[in-house]
């Protein structure tokens, strides 16, 4: 199983659940609407199936869907703005 992406919710509570590093997260999606709901305690009801892989590039957290961020460029920008130290 790939480690990250939208999978069928193995608990059958929601249509889909986001997996990160192979672990179900609080992000869920029903009828295209994303919300948050912690995974239930307990075992999976069914094996999760990959629905959608994550994009190849990072997306902006401020919702500007048209812009993608190159992680190397972002790191250099931060390094430069911070005076060359982390």
PDB file of N, CA and C in Angstrom:
ATOM      1  N   UNK A   1       0.854  -1.172   0.000  1.00  0.00           N
ATOM      2  CA  UNK A   1       0.000   0.000   0.000  1.00  0.00           C
ATOM      3  C   UNK A   1       0.902   1.238   0.000  1.00  0.00           C
ATOM      4  N   UNK A   2       0.689   2.168  -0.952  1.00  0.00           N
ATOM      5  CA  UNK A   2       1.442   3.426  -0.874  1.00  0.00           C
ATOM      6  C   UNK A   2       1.192   4.100   0.469  1.00  0.00           C
ATOM      7  N   UNK A   3       2.115   4.899   0.889  1.00  0.00           N
ATOM      8  CA  UNK A   3       2.047   5.455   2.234  1.00  0.00           C
ATOM      9  C   UNK A   3       1.160   6.668   2.383  1.00  0.00           C
ATOM     10  N   UNK A   4       0.794   7.348   1.274  1.00  0.00           N
ATOM     11  CA  UNK A   4       0.056   8.585   1.421  1.00  0.00           C
ATOM     12  C   UNK A   4      -0.980   8.723   0.318  1.00  0.00           C
ATOM     13  N   UNK A   5      -2.140   9.268   0.687  1.00  0.00           N
ATOM     14  CA  UNK A   5      -3.189   9.511  -0.298  1.00  0.00           C
ATOM     15  C   UNK A   5      -4.566   9.278   0.299  1.00  0.00           C
ATOM     16  N   UNK A   6      -5.587   9.464  -0.554  1.00  0.00           N
ATOM     17  CA  UNK A   6      -6.967   9.192  -0.142  1.00  0.00           C
ATOM     18  C   UNK A   6      -7.267   7.717  -0.366  1.00  0.00           C
ATOM     19  N   UNK A   7      -7.773   7.067   0.671  1.00  0.00           N
ATOM     20  CA  UNK A   7      -8.146   5.654   0.618  1.00  0.00           C
ATOM     21  C   UNK A   7      -9.598   5.516   1.044  1.00  0.00           C
ATOM     22  N   UNK A   8     -10.195   4.387   0.661  1.00  0.00           N
ATOM     23  CA  UNK A   8     -11.516   4.102   1.211  1.00  0.00           C
ATOM     24  C   UNK A   8     -11.350   4.013   2.725  1.00  0.00           C
ATOM     25  N   UNK A   9     -12.341   4.515   3.460  1.00  0.00           N
ATOM     26  CA  UNK A   9     -12.237   4.505   4.927  1.00  0.00           C
ATOM     27  C   UNK A   9     -12.345   3.065   5.420  1.00  0.00           C
ATOM     28  N   UNK A  10     -11.272   2.534   5.990  1.00  0.00           N
ATOM     29  CA  UNK A  10     -11.288   1.132   6.420  1.00  0.00           C
ATOM     30  C   UNK A  10     -12.234   0.873   7.596  1.00  0.00           C
ATOM     31  N   UNK A  11     -12.741   1.937   8.212  1.00  0.00           N
ATOM     32  CA  UNK A  11     -13.676   1.794   9.330  1.00  0.00           C
ATOM     33  C   UNK A  11     -15.131   1.865   8.860  1.00  0.00           C
ATOM     34  N   UNK A  12     -15.332   2.219   7.579  1.00  0.00           N
ATOM     35  CA  UNK A  12     -16.657   2.383   6.973  1.00  0.00           C
ATOM     36  C   UNK A  12     -17.496   3.465   7.643  1.00  0.00           C
ATOM     37  N   UNK A  13     -16.845   4.457   8.221  1.00  0.00           N
ATOM     38  CA  UNK A  13     -17.552   5.583   8.826  1.00  0.00           C
ATOM     39  C   UNK A  13     -17.771   6.665   7.773  1.00  0.00           C
ATOM     40  N   UNK A  14     -16.763   6.858   6.907  1.00  0.00           N
ATOM     41  CA  UNK A  14     -16.804   7.867   5.853  1.00  0.00           C
ATOM     42  C   UNK A  14     -16.487   7.201   4.521  1.00  0.00           C
ATOM     43  N   UNK A  15     -16.669   7.950   3.428  1.00  0.00           N
ATOM     44  CA  UNK A  15     -16.352   7.397   2.117  1.00  0.00           C
ATOM     45  C   UNK A  15     -14.847   7.220   1.941  1.00  0.00           C
ATOM     46  N   UNK A  16     -14.080   8.239   2.361  1.00  0.00           N
ATOM     47  CA  UNK A  16     -12.634   8.197   2.187  1.00  0.00           C
ATOM     48  C   UNK A  16     -11.937   8.748   3.423  1.00  0.00           C
ATOM     49  N   UNK A  17     -10.695   8.304   3.609  1.00  0.00           N
ATOM     50  CA  UNK A  17      -9.872   8.805   4.716  1.00  0.00           C
ATOM     51  C   UNK A  17      -8.454   8.990   4.190  1.00  0.00           C
ATOM     52  N   UNK A  18      -7.806  10.109   4.585  1.00  0.00           N
ATOM     53  CA  UNK A  18      -6.436  10.391   4.168  1.00  0.00           C
ATOM     54  C   UNK A  18      -5.473   9.563   5.002  1.00  0.00           C
ATOM     55  N   UNK A  19      -4.546   8.891   4.324  1.00  0.00           N
ATOM     56  CA  UNK A  19      -3.495   8.134   4.992  1.00  0.00           C
ATOM     57  C   UNK A  19      -2.184   8.874   4.816  1.00  0.00           C
ATOM     58  N   UNK A  20      -1.412   8.974   5.882  1.00  0.00           N
ATOM     59  CA  UNK A  20      -0.101   9.587   5.844  1.00  0.00           C
ATOM     60  C   UNK A  20       0.882   8.642   6.518  1.00  0.00           C
ATOM     61  N   UNK A  21       1.957   8.345   5.828  1.00  0.00           N
ATOM     62  CA  UNK A  21       2.964   7.412   6.339  1.00  0.00           C
ATOM     63  C   UNK A  21       2.324   6.077   6.704  1.00  0.00           C
ATOM     64  N   UNK A  22       1.330   5.659   5.913  1.00  0.00           N
ATOM     65  CA  UNK A  22       0.673   4.375   6.118  1.00  0.00           C
ATOM     66  C   UNK A  22      -0.323   4.342   7.261  1.00  0.00           C
ATOM     67  N   UNK A  23      -0.632   5.504   7.850  1.00  0.00           N
ATOM     68  CA  UNK A  23      -1.512   5.583   9.013  1.00  0.00           C
ATOM     69  C   UNK A  23      -2.743   6.432   8.698  1.00  0.00           C
ATOM     70  N   UNK A  24      -3.948   5.973   9.073  1.00  0.00           N
ATOM     71  CA  UNK A  24      -5.144   6.798   8.845  1.00  0.00           C
ATOM     72  C   UNK A  24      -5.096   8.066   9.683  1.00  0.00           C
ATOM     73  N   UNK A  25      -5.523   9.193   9.078  1.00  0.00           N
ATOM     74  CA  UNK A  25      -5.495  10.479   9.767  1.00  0.00           C
ATOM     75  C   UNK A  25      -6.927  10.942  10.076  1.00  0.00           C
ATOM     76  N   UNK A  26      -7.044  12.150  10.624  1.00  0.00           N
ATOM     77  CA  UNK A  26      -8.354  12.709  10.955  1.00  0.00           C
ATOM     78  C   UNK A  26      -9.064  13.273   9.727  1.00  0.00           C
ATOM     79  N   UNK A  27      -8.352  13.439   8.602  1.00  0.00           N
ATOM     80  CA  UNK A  27      -8.971  13.998   7.400  1.00  0.00           C
ATOM     81  C   UNK A  27      -9.846  12.954   6.713  1.00  0.00           C
ATOM     82  N   UNK A  28     -11.099  13.320   6.481  1.00  0.00           N
ATOM     83  CA  UNK A  28     -12.051  12.423   5.830  1.00  0.00           C
ATOM     84  C   UNK A  28     -12.762  13.183   4.710  1.00  0.00           C
ATOM     85  N   UNK A  29     -13.344  12.431   3.777  1.00  0.00           N
ATOM     86  CA  UNK A  29     -14.053  13.053   2.670  1.00  0.00           C
ATOM     87  C   UNK A  29     -15.318  12.260   2.394  1.00  0.00           C
ATOM     88  N   UNK A  30     -16.444  12.986   2.285  1.00  0.00           N
ATOM     89  CA  UNK A  30     -17.731  12.404   1.937  1.00  0.00           C
ATOM     90  C   UNK A  30     -18.364  13.265   0.856  1.00  0.00           C
ATOM     91  N   UNK A  31     -18.758  12.652  -0.249  1.00  0.00           N
ATOM     92  CA  UNK A  31     -19.386  13.366  -1.371  1.00  0.00           C
ATOM     93  C   UNK A  31     -18.564  14.582  -1.798  1.00  0.00           C
ATOM     94  N   UNK A  32     -17.254  14.450  -1.773  1.00  0.00           N
ATOM     95  CA  UNK A  32     -16.365  15.514  -2.211  1.00  0.00           C
ATOM     96  C   UNK A  32     -16.079  16.590  -1.181  1.00  0.00           C
ATOM     97  N   UNK A  33     -16.690  16.509  -0.009  1.00  0.00           N
ATOM     98  CA  UNK A  33     -16.475  17.502   1.041  1.00  0.00           C
ATOM     99  C   UNK A  33     -15.498  16.942   2.081  1.00  0.00           C
ATOM    100  N   UNK A  34     -14.434  17.710   2.330  1.00  0.00           N
ATOM    101  CA  UNK A  34     -13.415  17.290   3.289  1.00  0.00           C
ATOM    102  C   UNK A  34     -13.746  17.840   4.673  1.00  0.00           C
ATOM    103  N   UNK A  35     -13.599  17.007   5.682  1.00  0.00           N
ATOM    104  CA  UNK A  35     -13.799  17.418   7.066  1.00  0.00           C
ATOM    105  C   UNK A  35     -12.824  16.634   7.940  1.00  0.00           C
ATOM    106  N   UNK A  36     -12.976  16.780   9.243  1.00  0.00           N
ATOM    107  CA  UNK A  36     -12.085  16.087  10.191  1.00  0.00           C
ATOM    108  C   UNK A  36     -12.899  15.205  11.122  1.00  0.00           C
ATOM    109  N   UNK A  37     -12.402  13.994  11.326  1.00  0.00           N
ATOM    110  CA  UNK A  37     -13.009  13.049  12.258  1.00  0.00           C
ATOM    111  C   UNK A  37     -11.925  12.042  12.638  1.00  0.00           C
ATOM    112  N   UNK A  38     -11.529  11.999  13.904  1.00  0.00           N
ATOM    113  CA  UNK A  38     -10.461  11.079  14.299  1.00  0.00           C
ATOM    114  C   UNK A  38     -10.823   9.627  13.976  1.00  0.00           C
ATOM    115  N   UNK A  39      -9.813   8.833  13.606  1.00  0.00           N
ATOM    116  CA  UNK A  39     -10.083   7.412  13.367  1.00  0.00           C
ATOM    117  C   UNK A  39     -10.616   6.752  14.636  1.00  0.00           C
ATOM    118  N   UNK A  40     -11.577   5.852  14.502  1.00  0.00           N
ATOM    119  CA  UNK A  40     -12.086   5.145  15.685  1.00  0.00           C
ATOM    120  C   UNK A  40     -11.012   4.251  16.301  1.00  0.00           C
ATOM    121  N   UNK A  41     -11.157   3.989  17.573  1.00  0.00           N
ATOM    122  CA  UNK A  41     -10.303   2.988  18.208  1.00  0.00           C
ATOM    123  C   UNK A  41     -10.766   1.626  17.714  1.00  0.00           C
ATOM    124  N   UNK A  42      -9.847   0.762  17.460  1.00  0.00           N
ATOM    125  CA  UNK A  42     -10.229  -0.573  17.033  1.00  0.00           C
ATOM    126  C   UNK A  42      -9.671  -0.916  15.667  1.00  0.00           C
ATOM    127  N   UNK A  43     -10.007  -2.106  15.230  1.00  0.00           N
ATOM    128  CA  UNK A  43      -9.477  -2.654  13.988  1.00  0.00           C
ATOM    129  C   UNK A  43     -10.249  -2.168  12.764  1.00  0.00           C
ATOM    130  N   UNK A  44      -9.604  -2.290  11.604  1.00  0.00           N
ATOM    131  CA  UNK A  44     -10.265  -1.997  10.346  1.00  0.00           C
ATOM    132  C   UNK A  44     -11.431  -2.964  10.126  1.00  0.00           C
ATOM    133  N   UNK A  45     -12.474  -2.485   9.500  1.00  0.00           N
ATOM    134  CA  UNK A  45     -13.598  -3.335   9.101  1.00  0.00           C
ATOM    135  C   UNK A  45     -13.278  -3.969   7.751  1.00  0.00           C
ATOM    136  N   UNK A  46     -12.533  -3.220   6.910  1.00  0.00           N
ATOM    137  CA  UNK A  46     -12.101  -3.724   5.610  1.00  0.00           C
ATOM    138  C   UNK A  46     -10.738  -3.133   5.279  1.00  0.00           C
ATOM    139  N   UNK A  47     -10.038  -3.737   4.336  1.00  0.00           N
ATOM    140  CA  UNK A  47      -8.754  -3.224   3.905  1.00  0.00           C
ATOM    141  C   UNK A  47      -8.962  -1.934   3.116  1.00  0.00           C
ATOM    142  N   UNK A  48      -8.179  -0.884   3.373  1.00  0.00           N
ATOM    143  CA  UNK A  48      -8.312   0.355   2.618  1.00  0.00           C
ATOM    144  C   UNK A  48      -7.859   0.167   1.165  1.00  0.00           C
ATOM    145  N   UNK A  49      -8.566   0.813   0.241  1.00  0.00           N
ATOM    146  CA  UNK A  49      -8.226   0.786  -1.180  1.00  0.00           C
ATOM    147  C   UNK A  49      -7.839   2.195  -1.610  1.00  0.00           C
ATOM    148  N   UNK A  50      -6.745   2.327  -2.363  1.00  0.00           N
ATOM    149  CA  UNK A  50      -6.282   3.627  -2.832  1.00  0.00           C
ATOM    150  C   UNK A  50      -7.332   4.236  -3.758  1.00  0.00           C
ATOM    151  N   UNK A  51      -7.733   5.472  -3.465  1.00  0.00           N
ATOM    152  CA  UNK A  51      -8.683   6.217  -4.280  1.00  0.00           C
ATOM    153  C   UNK A  51      -7.944   7.264  -5.110  1.00  0.00           C
ATOM    154  N   UNK A  52      -7.034   8.018  -4.461  1.00  0.00           N
ATOM    155  CA  UNK A  52      -6.344   9.124  -5.129  1.00  0.00           C
ATOM    156  C   UNK A  52      -4.978   9.327  -4.496  1.00  0.00           C
ATOM    157  N   UNK A  53      -3.939   9.303  -5.315  1.00  0.00           N
ATOM    158  CA  UNK A  53      -2.587   9.560  -4.830  1.00  0.00           C
ATOM    159  C   UNK A  53      -2.387  11.052  -4.611  1.00  0.00           C
ATOM    160  N   UNK A  54      -1.452  11.426  -3.746  1.00  0.00           N
ATOM    161  CA  UNK A  54      -1.174  12.854  -3.552  1.00  0.00           C
ATOM    162  C   UNK A  54      -0.529  13.433  -4.798  1.00  0.00           C
ATOM    163  N   UNK A  55      -0.626  14.751  -4.991  1.00  0.00           N
ATOM    164  CA  UNK A  55       0.017  15.379  -6.142  1.00  0.00           C
ATOM    165  C   UNK A  55       1.530  15.271  -6.041  1.00  0.00           C
ATOM    166  N   UNK A  56       2.200  15.409  -7.183  1.00  0.00           N
ATOM    167  CA  UNK A  56       3.659  15.307  -7.211  1.00  0.00           C
ATOM    168  C   UNK A  56       4.340  16.468  -6.499  1.00  0.00           C
ATOM    169  N   UNK A  57       3.725  17.642  -6.537  1.00  0.00           N
ATOM    170  CA  UNK A  57       4.310  18.800  -5.881  1.00  0.00           C
ATOM    171  C   UNK A  57       3.436  19.219  -4.711  1.00  0.00           C
ATOM    172  N   UNK A  58       4.043  19.914  -3.771  1.00  0.00           N
ATOM    173  CA  UNK A  58       3.311  20.426  -2.625  1.00  0.00           C
ATOM    174  C   UNK A  58       2.346  21.515  -3.061  1.00  0.00           C
ATOM    175  N   UNK A  59       1.204  21.632  -2.370  1.00  0.00           N
ATOM    176  CA  UNK A  59       0.266  22.708  -2.650  1.00  0.00           C
ATOM    177  C   UNK A  59       0.311  23.705  -1.510  1.00  0.00           C
ATOM    178  N   UNK A  60      -0.121  24.929  -1.805  1.00  0.00           N
ATOM    179  CA  UNK A  60      -0.093  25.992  -0.812  1.00  0.00           C
ATOM    180  C   UNK A  60      -1.191  25.782   0.226  1.00  0.00           C
ATOM    181  N   UNK A  61      -0.863  26.046   1.486  1.00  0.00           N
ATOM    182  CA  UNK A  61      -1.829  25.903   2.567  1.00  0.00           C
ATOM    183  C   UNK A  61      -2.856  27.016   2.576  1.00  0.00           C
ATOM    184  N   UNK A  62      -2.568  28.140   1.897  1.00  0.00           N
ATOM    185  CA  UNK A  62      -3.508  29.255   1.906  1.00  0.00           C
ATOM    186  C   UNK A  62      -4.618  29.095   0.869  1.00  0.00           C
ATOM    187  N   UNK A  63      -4.677  27.955   0.205  1.00  0.00           N
ATOM    188  CA  UNK A  63      -5.768  27.668  -0.700  1.00  0.00           C
ATOM    189  C   UNK A  63      -5.579  28.165  -2.113  1.00  0.00           C
ATOM    190  N   UNK A  64      -4.427  28.728  -2.460  1.00  0.00           N
ATOM    191  CA  UNK A  64      -4.185  29.182  -3.823  1.00  0.00           C
ATOM    192  C   UNK A  64      -3.897  27.948  -4.674  1.00  0.00           C
ATOM    193  N   UNK A  65      -4.966  27.325  -5.183  1.00  0.00           N
ATOM    194  CA  UNK A  65      -4.852  26.058  -5.905  1.00  0.00           C
ATOM    195  C   UNK A  65      -4.026  26.172  -7.185  1.00  0.00           C
ATOM    196  N   UNK A  66      -3.952  27.369  -7.768  1.00  0.00           N
ATOM    197  CA  UNK A  66      -3.218  27.536  -9.004  1.00  0.00           C
ATOM    198  C   UNK A  66      -1.712  27.547  -8.819  1.00  0.00           C
ATOM    199  N   UNK A  67      -1.259  27.704  -7.601  1.00  0.00           N
ATOM    200  CA  UNK A  67       0.172  27.812  -7.352  1.00  0.00           C
ATOM    201  C   UNK A  67       0.684  26.553  -6.672  1.00  0.00           C
ATOM    202  N   UNK A  68       1.803  26.065  -7.160  1.00  0.00           N
ATOM    203  CA  UNK A  68       2.454  24.955  -6.480  1.00  0.00           C
ATOM    204  C   UNK A  68       3.789  25.459  -5.946  1.00  0.00           C
ATOM    205  N   UNK A  69       4.326  24.752  -4.982  1.00  0.00           N
ATOM    206  CA  UNK A  69       5.551  25.192  -4.325  1.00  0.00           C
ATOM    207  C   UNK A  69       6.607  24.121  -4.517  1.00  0.00           C
ATOM    208  N   UNK A  70       7.749  24.538  -5.052  1.00  0.00           N
ATOM    209  CA  UNK A  70       8.889  23.641  -5.152  1.00  0.00           C
ATOM    210  C   UNK A  70       9.561  23.644  -3.784  1.00  0.00           C
ATOM    211  N   UNK A  71       9.647  22.499  -3.112  1.00  0.00           N
ATOM    212  CA  UNK A  71      10.200  22.479  -1.751  1.00  0.00           C
ATOM    213  C   UNK A  71      11.633  22.994  -1.660  1.00  0.00           C
ATOM    214  N   UNK A  72      12.455  22.781  -2.685  1.00  0.00           N
ATOM    215  CA  UNK A  72      13.834  23.263  -2.663  1.00  0.00           C
ATOM    216  C   UNK A  72      13.844  24.796  -2.741  1.00  0.00           C
ATOM    217  N   UNK A  73      13.033  25.360  -3.661  1.00  0.00           N
ATOM    218  CA  UNK A  73      12.947  26.819  -3.753  1.00  0.00           C
ATOM    219  C   UNK A  73      12.444  27.425  -2.447  1.00  0.00           C
ATOM    220  N   UNK A  74      11.465  26.798  -1.838  1.00  0.00           N
ATOM    221  CA  UNK A  74      10.914  27.307  -0.577  1.00  0.00           C
ATOM    222  C   UNK A  74      11.983  27.307   0.512  1.00  0.00           C
ATOM    223  N   UNK A  75      12.778  26.247   0.580  1.00  0.00           N
ATOM    224  CA  UNK A  75      13.833  26.167   1.599  1.00  0.00           C
ATOM    225  C   UNK A  75      14.884  27.256   1.388  1.00  0.00           C
ATOM    226  N   UNK A  76      15.298  27.469   0.129  1.00  0.00           N
ATOM    227  CA  UNK A  76      16.285  28.509  -0.149  1.00  0.00           C
ATOM    228  C   UNK A  76      15.730  29.893   0.148  1.00  0.00           C
ATOM    229  N   UNK A  77      14.459  30.114  -0.175  1.00  0.00           N
ATOM    230  CA  UNK A  77      13.844  31.406   0.121  1.00  0.00           C
ATOM    231  C   UNK A  77      13.857  31.664   1.627  1.00  0.00           C
ATOM    232  N   UNK A  78      13.467  30.677   2.417  1.00  0.00           N
ATOM    233  CA  UNK A  78      13.466  30.814   3.875  1.00  0.00           C
ATOM    234  C   UNK A  78      14.879  31.065   4.383  1.00  0.00           C
ATOM    235  N   UNK A  79      15.836  30.302   3.858  1.00  0.00           N
ATOM    236  CA  UNK A  79      17.234  30.435   4.280  1.00  0.00           C
ATOM    237  C   UNK A  79      17.746  31.845   3.997  1.00  0.00           C
ATOM    238  N   UNK A  80      17.437  32.357   2.808  1.00  0.00           N
ATOM    239  CA  UNK A  80      17.877  33.705   2.419  1.00  0.00           C
ATOM    240  C   UNK A  80      17.219  34.778   3.296  1.00  0.00           C
ATOM    241  N   UNK A  81      15.906  34.656   3.520  1.00  0.00           N
ATOM    242  CA  UNK A  81      15.189  35.646   4.322  1.00  0.00           C
ATOM    243  C   UNK A  81      15.584  35.618   5.794  1.00  0.00           C
ATOM    244  N   UNK A  82      16.061  34.478   6.256  1.00  0.00           N
ATOM    245  CA  UNK A  82      16.428  34.375   7.669  1.00  0.00           C
ATOM    246  C   UNK A  82      17.865  34.817   7.927  1.00  0.00           C
ATOM    247  N   UNK A  83      18.505  35.353   6.891  1.00  0.00           N
ATOM    248  CA  UNK A  83      19.893  35.819   7.077  1.00  0.00           C
ATOM    249  C   UNK A  83      20.906  34.713   6.961  1.00  0.00           C
ATOM    250  N   UNK A  84      20.505  33.585   6.410  1.00  0.00           N
ATOM    251  CA  UNK A  84      21.443  32.503   6.182  1.00  0.00           C
ATOM    252  C   UNK A  84      21.588  31.540   7.336  1.00  0.00           C
ATOM    253  N   UNK A  85      20.655  31.597   8.290  1.00  0.00           N
ATOM    254  CA  UNK A  85      20.740  30.630   9.399  1.00  0.00           C
ATOM    255  C   UNK A  85      19.345  30.113   9.717  1.00  0.00           C
ATOM    256  N   UNK A  86      19.273  28.912  10.188  1.00  0.00           N
ATOM    257  CA  UNK A  86      17.984  28.296  10.548  1.00  0.00           C
ATOM    258  C   UNK A  86      17.768  28.342  12.034  1.00  0.00           C
TER     259      UNK A  86
END
